[in-house]
Amino acid sequence: PESGDYYTLNEMGALMLECVQQGQSVAELVATIQLNFNAPAEEIEQDLHNLLKELQHCGLAQLKNA
């Protein structure tokens, strides 16, 4: 809030972020997204990668190795 910057996610992005925050694995996340959206697993994985990369670029997430 201090910066005045605001970010929004579409419905799929919001669900992805929720799954990540719950600690779901990539396979679990893909399965969850496929239950809610008609999208192929490869596309979901690429969208997840892009989302996490963008969050990191904006300073909103820090990626770590498991």
PDB file of N, CA and C in Angstrom:
ATOM      1  N   PRO A   1       0.805  -1.221   0.000  1.00  0.00           N
ATOM      2  CA  PRO A   1       0.000   0.000   0.000  1.00  0.00           C
ATOM      3  C   PRO A   1       0.847   1.284   0.000  1.00  0.00           C
ATOM      4  N   GLU A   2       2.016   1.229   0.617  1.00  0.00           N
ATOM      5  CA  GLU A   2       2.836   2.429   0.684  1.00  0.00           C
ATOM      6  C   GLU A   2       3.295   2.888  -0.691  1.00  0.00           C
ATOM      7  N   SER A   3       3.528   1.959  -1.606  1.00  0.00           N
ATOM      8  CA  SER A   3       4.042   2.305  -2.937  1.00  0.00           C
ATOM      9  C   SER A   3       2.947   2.842  -3.843  1.00  0.00           C
ATOM     10  N   GLY A   4       1.709   2.528  -3.563  1.00  0.00           N
ATOM     11  CA  GLY A   4       0.614   2.938  -4.429  1.00  0.00           C
ATOM     12  C   GLY A   4       0.405   1.990  -5.602  1.00  0.00           C
ATOM     13  N   ASP A   5       1.226   0.945  -5.687  1.00  0.00           N
ATOM     14  CA  ASP A   5       1.082  -0.031  -6.761  1.00  0.00           C
ATOM     15  C   ASP A   5       0.064  -1.094  -6.365  1.00  0.00           C
ATOM     16  N   TYR A   6      -0.758  -1.489  -7.320  1.00  0.00           N
ATOM     17  CA  TYR A   6      -1.750  -2.530  -7.095  1.00  0.00           C
ATOM     18  C   TYR A   6      -1.628  -3.570  -8.189  1.00  0.00           C
ATOM     19  N   TYR A   7      -1.859  -4.806  -7.836  1.00  0.00           N
ATOM     20  CA  TYR A   7      -1.754  -5.908  -8.770  1.00  0.00           C
ATOM     21  C   TYR A   7      -3.049  -6.704  -8.737  1.00  0.00           C
ATOM     22  N   THR A   8      -3.444  -7.205  -9.887  1.00  0.00           N
ATOM     23  CA  THR A   8      -4.644  -8.032  -9.957  1.00  0.00           C
ATOM     24  C   THR A   8      -4.306  -9.336 -10.678  1.00  0.00           C
ATOM     25  N   LEU A   9      -5.063 -10.355 -10.368  1.00  0.00           N
ATOM     26  CA  LEU A   9      -4.934 -11.651 -11.015  1.00  0.00           C
ATOM     27  C   LEU A   9      -6.287 -12.050 -11.582  1.00  0.00           C
ATOM     28  N   ASN A  10      -6.239 -12.787 -12.687  1.00  0.00           N
ATOM     29  CA  ASN A  10      -7.498 -13.335 -13.167  1.00  0.00           C
ATOM     30  C   ASN A  10      -7.874 -14.509 -12.265  1.00  0.00           C
ATOM     31  N   GLU A  11      -9.005 -15.124 -12.535  1.00  0.00           N
ATOM     32  CA  GLU A  11      -9.512 -16.180 -11.658  1.00  0.00           C
ATOM     33  C   GLU A  11      -8.545 -17.361 -11.561  1.00  0.00           C
ATOM     34  N   MET A  12      -7.965 -17.751 -12.702  1.00  0.00           N
ATOM     35  CA  MET A  12      -7.022 -18.870 -12.682  1.00  0.00           C
ATOM     36  C   MET A  12      -5.756 -18.497 -11.914  1.00  0.00           C
ATOM     37  N   GLY A  13      -5.251 -17.301 -12.128  1.00  0.00           N
ATOM     38  CA  GLY A  13      -4.060 -16.850 -11.413  1.00  0.00           C
ATOM     39  C   GLY A  13      -4.287 -16.797  -9.914  1.00  0.00           C
ATOM     40  N   ALA A  14      -5.453 -16.349  -9.521  1.00  0.00           N
ATOM     41  CA  ALA A  14      -5.777 -16.279  -8.092  1.00  0.00           C
ATOM     42  C   ALA A  14      -5.819 -17.674  -7.480  1.00  0.00           C
ATOM     43  N   LEU A  15      -6.390 -18.638  -8.213  1.00  0.00           N
ATOM     44  CA  LEU A  15      -6.439 -20.017  -7.716  1.00  0.00           C
ATOM     45  C   LEU A  15      -5.033 -20.605  -7.652  1.00  0.00           C
ATOM     46  N   MET A  16      -4.213 -20.311  -8.641  1.00  0.00           N
ATOM     47  CA  MET A  16      -2.825 -20.776  -8.624  1.00  0.00           C
ATOM     48  C   MET A  16      -2.098 -20.254  -7.384  1.00  0.00           C
ATOM     49  N   LEU A  17      -2.240 -18.980  -7.126  1.00  0.00           N
ATOM     50  CA  LEU A  17      -1.575 -18.386  -5.973  1.00  0.00           C
ATOM     51  C   LEU A  17      -2.075 -19.017  -4.674  1.00  0.00           C
ATOM     52  N   GLU A  18      -3.364 -19.263  -4.587  1.00  0.00           N
ATOM     53  CA  GLU A  18      -3.930 -19.913  -3.408  1.00  0.00           C
ATOM     54  C   GLU A  18      -3.330 -21.312  -3.221  1.00  0.00           C
ATOM     55  N   CYS A  19      -3.205 -22.063  -4.309  1.00  0.00           N
ATOM     56  CA  CYS A  19      -2.623 -23.411  -4.247  1.00  0.00           C
ATOM     57  C   CYS A  19      -1.164 -23.356  -3.804  1.00  0.00           C
ATOM     58  N   VAL A  20      -0.417 -22.405  -4.327  1.00  0.00           N
ATOM     59  CA  VAL A  20       0.990 -22.245  -3.951  1.00  0.00           C
ATOM     60  C   VAL A  20       1.092 -21.915  -2.461  1.00  0.00           C
ATOM     61  N   GLN A  21       0.248 -21.020  -2.003  1.00  0.00           N
ATOM     62  CA  GLN A  21       0.270 -20.633  -0.588  1.00  0.00           C
ATOM     63  C   GLN A  21      -0.090 -21.800   0.322  1.00  0.00           C
ATOM     64  N   GLN A  22      -0.876 -22.748  -0.182  1.00  0.00           N
ATOM     65  CA  GLN A  22      -1.247 -23.937   0.590  1.00  0.00           C
ATOM     66  C   GLN A  22      -0.148 -24.992   0.551  1.00  0.00           C
ATOM     67  N   GLY A  23       0.887 -24.755  -0.236  1.00  0.00           N
ATOM     68  CA  GLY A  23       1.993 -25.693  -0.308  1.00  0.00           C
ATOM     69  C   GLY A  23       1.773 -26.861  -1.248  1.00  0.00           C
ATOM     70  N   GLN A  24       0.825 -26.734  -2.173  1.00  0.00           N
ATOM     71  CA  GLN A  24       0.567 -27.817  -3.114  1.00  0.00           C
ATOM     72  C   GLN A  24       1.763 -28.008  -4.040  1.00  0.00           C
ATOM     73  N   SER A  25       1.991 -29.253  -4.429  1.00  0.00           N
ATOM     74  CA  SER A  25       3.020 -29.552  -5.429  1.00  0.00           C
ATOM     75  C   SER A  25       2.504 -29.087  -6.791  1.00  0.00           C
ATOM     76  N   VAL A  26       3.394 -29.069  -7.769  1.00  0.00           N
ATOM     77  CA  VAL A  26       2.979 -28.681  -9.118  1.00  0.00           C
ATOM     78  C   VAL A  26       1.910 -29.641  -9.625  1.00  0.00           C
ATOM     79  N   ALA A  27       2.081 -30.934  -9.393  1.00  0.00           N
ATOM     80  CA  ALA A  27       1.087 -31.916  -9.853  1.00  0.00           C
ATOM     81  C   ALA A  27      -0.268 -31.685  -9.190  1.00  0.00           C
ATOM     82  N   GLU A  28      -0.264 -31.398  -7.897  1.00  0.00           N
ATOM     83  CA  GLU A  28      -1.522 -31.125  -7.189  1.00  0.00           C
ATOM     84  C   GLU A  28      -2.169 -29.848  -7.712  1.00  0.00           C
ATOM     85  N   LEU A  29      -1.347 -28.831  -7.940  1.00  0.00           N
ATOM     86  CA  LEU A  29      -1.857 -27.563  -8.451  1.00  0.00           C
ATOM     87  C   LEU A  29      -2.477 -27.757  -9.828  1.00  0.00           C
ATOM     88  N   VAL A  30      -1.787 -28.474 -10.698  1.00  0.00           N
ATOM     89  CA  VAL A  30      -2.313 -28.726 -12.042  1.00  0.00           C
ATOM     90  C   VAL A  30      -3.650 -29.453 -11.953  1.00  0.00           C
ATOM     91  N   ALA A  31      -3.745 -30.460 -11.108  1.00  0.00           N
ATOM     92  CA  ALA A  31      -5.001 -31.202 -10.949  1.00  0.00           C
ATOM     93  C   ALA A  31      -6.116 -30.285 -10.454  1.00  0.00           C
ATOM     94  N   THR A  32      -5.806 -29.419  -9.493  1.00  0.00           N
ATOM     95  CA  THR A  32      -6.807 -28.483  -8.971  1.00  0.00           C
ATOM     96  C   THR A  32      -7.286 -27.539 -10.056  1.00  0.00           C
ATOM     97  N   ILE A  33      -6.354 -27.002 -10.831  1.00  0.00           N
ATOM     98  CA  ILE A  33      -6.722 -26.069 -11.905  1.00  0.00           C
ATOM     99  C   ILE A  33      -7.559 -26.791 -12.956  1.00  0.00           C
ATOM    100  N   GLN A  34      -7.174 -28.022 -13.299  1.00  0.00           N
ATOM    101  CA  GLN A  34      -7.924 -28.771 -14.312  1.00  0.00           C
ATOM    102  C   GLN A  34      -9.346 -29.080 -13.858  1.00  0.00           C
ATOM    103  N   LEU A  35      -9.568 -29.205 -12.554  1.00  0.00           N
ATOM    104  CA  LEU A  35     -10.923 -29.419 -12.049  1.00  0.00           C
ATOM    105  C   LEU A  35     -11.803 -28.186 -12.252  1.00  0.00           C
ATOM    106  N   ASN A  36     -11.170 -27.016 -12.296  1.00  0.00           N
ATOM    107  CA  ASN A  36     -11.919 -25.760 -12.366  1.00  0.00           C
ATOM    108  C   ASN A  36     -11.894 -25.091 -13.739  1.00  0.00           C
ATOM    109  N   PHE A  37     -10.919 -25.446 -14.564  1.00  0.00           N
ATOM    110  CA  PHE A  37     -10.778 -24.814 -15.875  1.00  0.00           C
ATOM    111  C   PHE A  37     -10.468 -25.885 -16.914  1.00  0.00           C
ATOM    112  N   ASN A  38     -10.903 -25.676 -18.101  1.00  0.00           N
ATOM    113  CA  ASN A  38     -10.637 -26.602 -19.194  1.00  0.00           C
ATOM    114  C   ASN A  38      -9.333 -26.180 -19.865  1.00  0.00           C
ATOM    115  N   ALA A  39      -8.218 -26.651 -19.321  1.00  0.00           N
ATOM    116  CA  ALA A  39      -6.913 -26.289 -19.862  1.00  0.00           C
ATOM    117  C   ALA A  39      -5.983 -27.496 -19.778  1.00  0.00           C
ATOM    118  N   PRO A  40      -5.117 -27.656 -20.775  1.00  0.00           N
ATOM    119  CA  PRO A  40      -4.163 -28.764 -20.736  1.00  0.00           C
ATOM    120  C   PRO A  40      -3.094 -28.551 -19.675  1.00  0.00           C
ATOM    121  N   ALA A  41      -2.575 -29.646 -19.139  1.00  0.00           N
ATOM    122  CA  ALA A  41      -1.579 -29.585 -18.066  1.00  0.00           C
ATOM    123  C   ALA A  41      -0.361 -28.754 -18.461  1.00  0.00           C
ATOM    124  N   GLU A  42       0.104 -28.909 -19.696  1.00  0.00           N
ATOM    125  CA  GLU A  42       1.292 -28.176 -20.141  1.00  0.00           C
ATOM    126  C   GLU A  42       1.059 -26.662 -20.094  1.00  0.00           C
ATOM    127  N   GLU A  43      -0.131 -26.240 -20.487  1.00  0.00           N
ATOM    128  CA  GLU A  43      -0.469 -24.819 -20.470  1.00  0.00           C
ATOM    129  C   GLU A  43      -0.545 -24.299 -19.035  1.00  0.00           C
ATOM    130  N   ILE A  44      -1.108 -25.091 -18.153  1.00  0.00           N
ATOM    131  CA  ILE A  44      -1.210 -24.698 -16.740  1.00  0.00           C
ATOM    132  C   ILE A  44       0.181 -24.555 -16.144  1.00  0.00           C
ATOM    133  N   GLU A  45       1.060 -25.509 -16.418  1.00  0.00           N
ATOM    134  CA  GLU A  45       2.419 -25.435 -15.889  1.00  0.00           C
ATOM    135  C   GLU A  45       3.151 -24.209 -16.416  1.00  0.00           C
ATOM    136  N   GLN A  46       2.974 -23.895 -17.696  1.00  0.00           N
ATOM    137  CA  GLN A  46       3.617 -22.709 -18.270  1.00  0.00           C
ATOM    138  C   GLN A  46       3.042 -21.439 -17.646  1.00  0.00           C
ATOM    139  N   ASP A  47       1.733 -21.380 -17.467  1.00  0.00           N
ATOM    140  CA  ASP A  47       1.102 -20.222 -16.828  1.00  0.00           C
ATOM    141  C   ASP A  47       1.598 -20.054 -15.392  1.00  0.00           C
ATOM    142  N   LEU A  48       1.754 -21.167 -14.674  1.00  0.00           N
ATOM    143  CA  LEU A  48       2.277 -21.109 -13.310  1.00  0.00           C
ATOM    144  C   LEU A  48       3.690 -20.557 -13.305  1.00  0.00           C
ATOM    145  N   HIS A  49       4.529 -21.064 -14.192  1.00  0.00           N
ATOM    146  CA  HIS A  49       5.906 -20.577 -14.300  1.00  0.00           C
ATOM    147  C   HIS A  49       5.922 -19.074 -14.569  1.00  0.00           C
ATOM    148  N   ASN A  50       5.090 -18.634 -15.514  1.00  0.00           N
ATOM    149  CA  ASN A  50       5.032 -17.210 -15.852  1.00  0.00           C
ATOM    150  C   ASN A  50       4.545 -16.367 -14.671  1.00  0.00           C
ATOM    151  N   LEU A  51       3.541 -16.868 -13.952  1.00  0.00           N
ATOM    152  CA  LEU A  51       3.019 -16.143 -12.795  1.00  0.00           C
ATOM    153  C   LEU A  51       4.090 -15.989 -11.726  1.00  0.00           C
ATOM    154  N   LEU A  52       4.761 -17.081 -11.404  1.00  0.00           N
ATOM    155  CA  LEU A  52       5.783 -17.021 -10.358  1.00  0.00           C
ATOM    156  C   LEU A  52       6.948 -16.119 -10.762  1.00  0.00           C
ATOM    157  N   LYS A  53       7.310 -16.180 -12.025  1.00  0.00           N
ATOM    158  CA  LYS A  53       8.385 -15.318 -12.534  1.00  0.00           C
ATOM    159  C   LYS A  53       7.983 -13.838 -12.421  1.00  0.00           C
ATOM    160  N   GLU A  54       6.756 -13.522 -12.770  1.00  0.00           N
ATOM    161  CA  GLU A  54       6.273 -12.142 -12.697  1.00  0.00           C
ATOM    162  C   GLU A  54       6.170 -11.659 -11.251  1.00  0.00           C
ATOM    163  N   LEU A  55       5.680 -12.510 -10.357  1.00  0.00           N
ATOM    164  CA  LEU A  55       5.606 -12.145  -8.937  1.00  0.00           C
ATOM    165  C   LEU A  55       7.000 -11.867  -8.380  1.00  0.00           C
ATOM    166  N   GLN A  56       7.956 -12.695  -8.778  1.00  0.00           N
ATOM    167  CA  GLN A  56       9.329 -12.494  -8.327  1.00  0.00           C
ATOM    168  C   GLN A  56       9.888 -11.191  -8.896  1.00  0.00           C
ATOM    169  N   HIS A  57       9.640 -10.943 -10.163  1.00  0.00           N
ATOM    170  CA  HIS A  57      10.118  -9.720 -10.811  1.00  0.00           C
ATOM    171  C   HIS A  57       9.565  -8.465 -10.121  1.00  0.00           C
ATOM    172  N   CYS A  58       8.328  -8.534  -9.676  1.00  0.00           N
ATOM    173  CA  CYS A  58       7.691  -7.386  -9.014  1.00  0.00           C
ATOM    174  C   CYS A  58       8.047  -7.292  -7.528  1.00  0.00           C
ATOM    175  N   GLY A  59       8.830  -8.239  -7.037  1.00  0.00           N
ATOM    176  CA  GLY A  59       9.202  -8.240  -5.629  1.00  0.00           C
ATOM    177  C   GLY A  59       8.101  -8.734  -4.716  1.00  0.00           C
ATOM    178  N   LEU A  60       7.141  -9.478  -5.256  1.00  0.00           N
ATOM    179  CA  LEU A  60       6.011  -9.968  -4.463  1.00  0.00           C
ATOM    180  C   LEU A  60       6.186 -11.398  -4.008  1.00  0.00           C
ATOM    181  N   ALA A  61       7.223 -12.058  -4.505  1.00  0.00           N
ATOM    182  CA  ALA A  61       7.479 -13.445  -4.112  1.00  0.00           C
ATOM    183  C   ALA A  61       8.972 -13.709  -4.180  1.00  0.00           C
ATOM    184  N   GLN A  62       9.380 -14.641  -3.377  1.00  0.00           N
ATOM    185  CA  GLN A  62      10.769 -15.076  -3.402  1.00  0.00           C
ATOM    186  C   GLN A  62      10.755 -16.584  -3.600  1.00  0.00           C
ATOM    187  N   LEU A  63      11.367 -17.034  -4.680  1.00  0.00           N
ATOM    188  CA  LEU A  63      11.374 -18.449  -4.983  1.00  0.00           C
ATOM    189  C   LEU A  63      12.532 -19.120  -4.253  1.00  0.00           C
ATOM    190  N   LYS A  64      12.259 -20.331  -3.779  1.00  0.00           N
ATOM    191  CA  LYS A  64      13.308 -21.090  -3.092  1.00  0.00           C
ATOM    192  C   LYS A  64      13.253 -22.523  -3.582  1.00  0.00           C
ATOM    193  N   ASN A  65      14.378 -23.209  -3.500  1.00  0.00           N
ATOM    194  CA  ASN A  65      14.423 -24.617  -3.871  1.00  0.00           C
ATOM    195  C   ASN A  65      13.915 -25.447  -2.718  1.00  0.00           C
ATOM    196  N   ALA A  66      13.156 -26.487  -3.078  1.00  0.00           N
ATOM    197  CA  ALA A  66      12.615 -27.370  -2.028  1.00  0.00           C
ATOM    198  C   ALA A  66      13.656 -28.376  -1.599  1.00  0.00           C
TER     199      ALA A  66
END
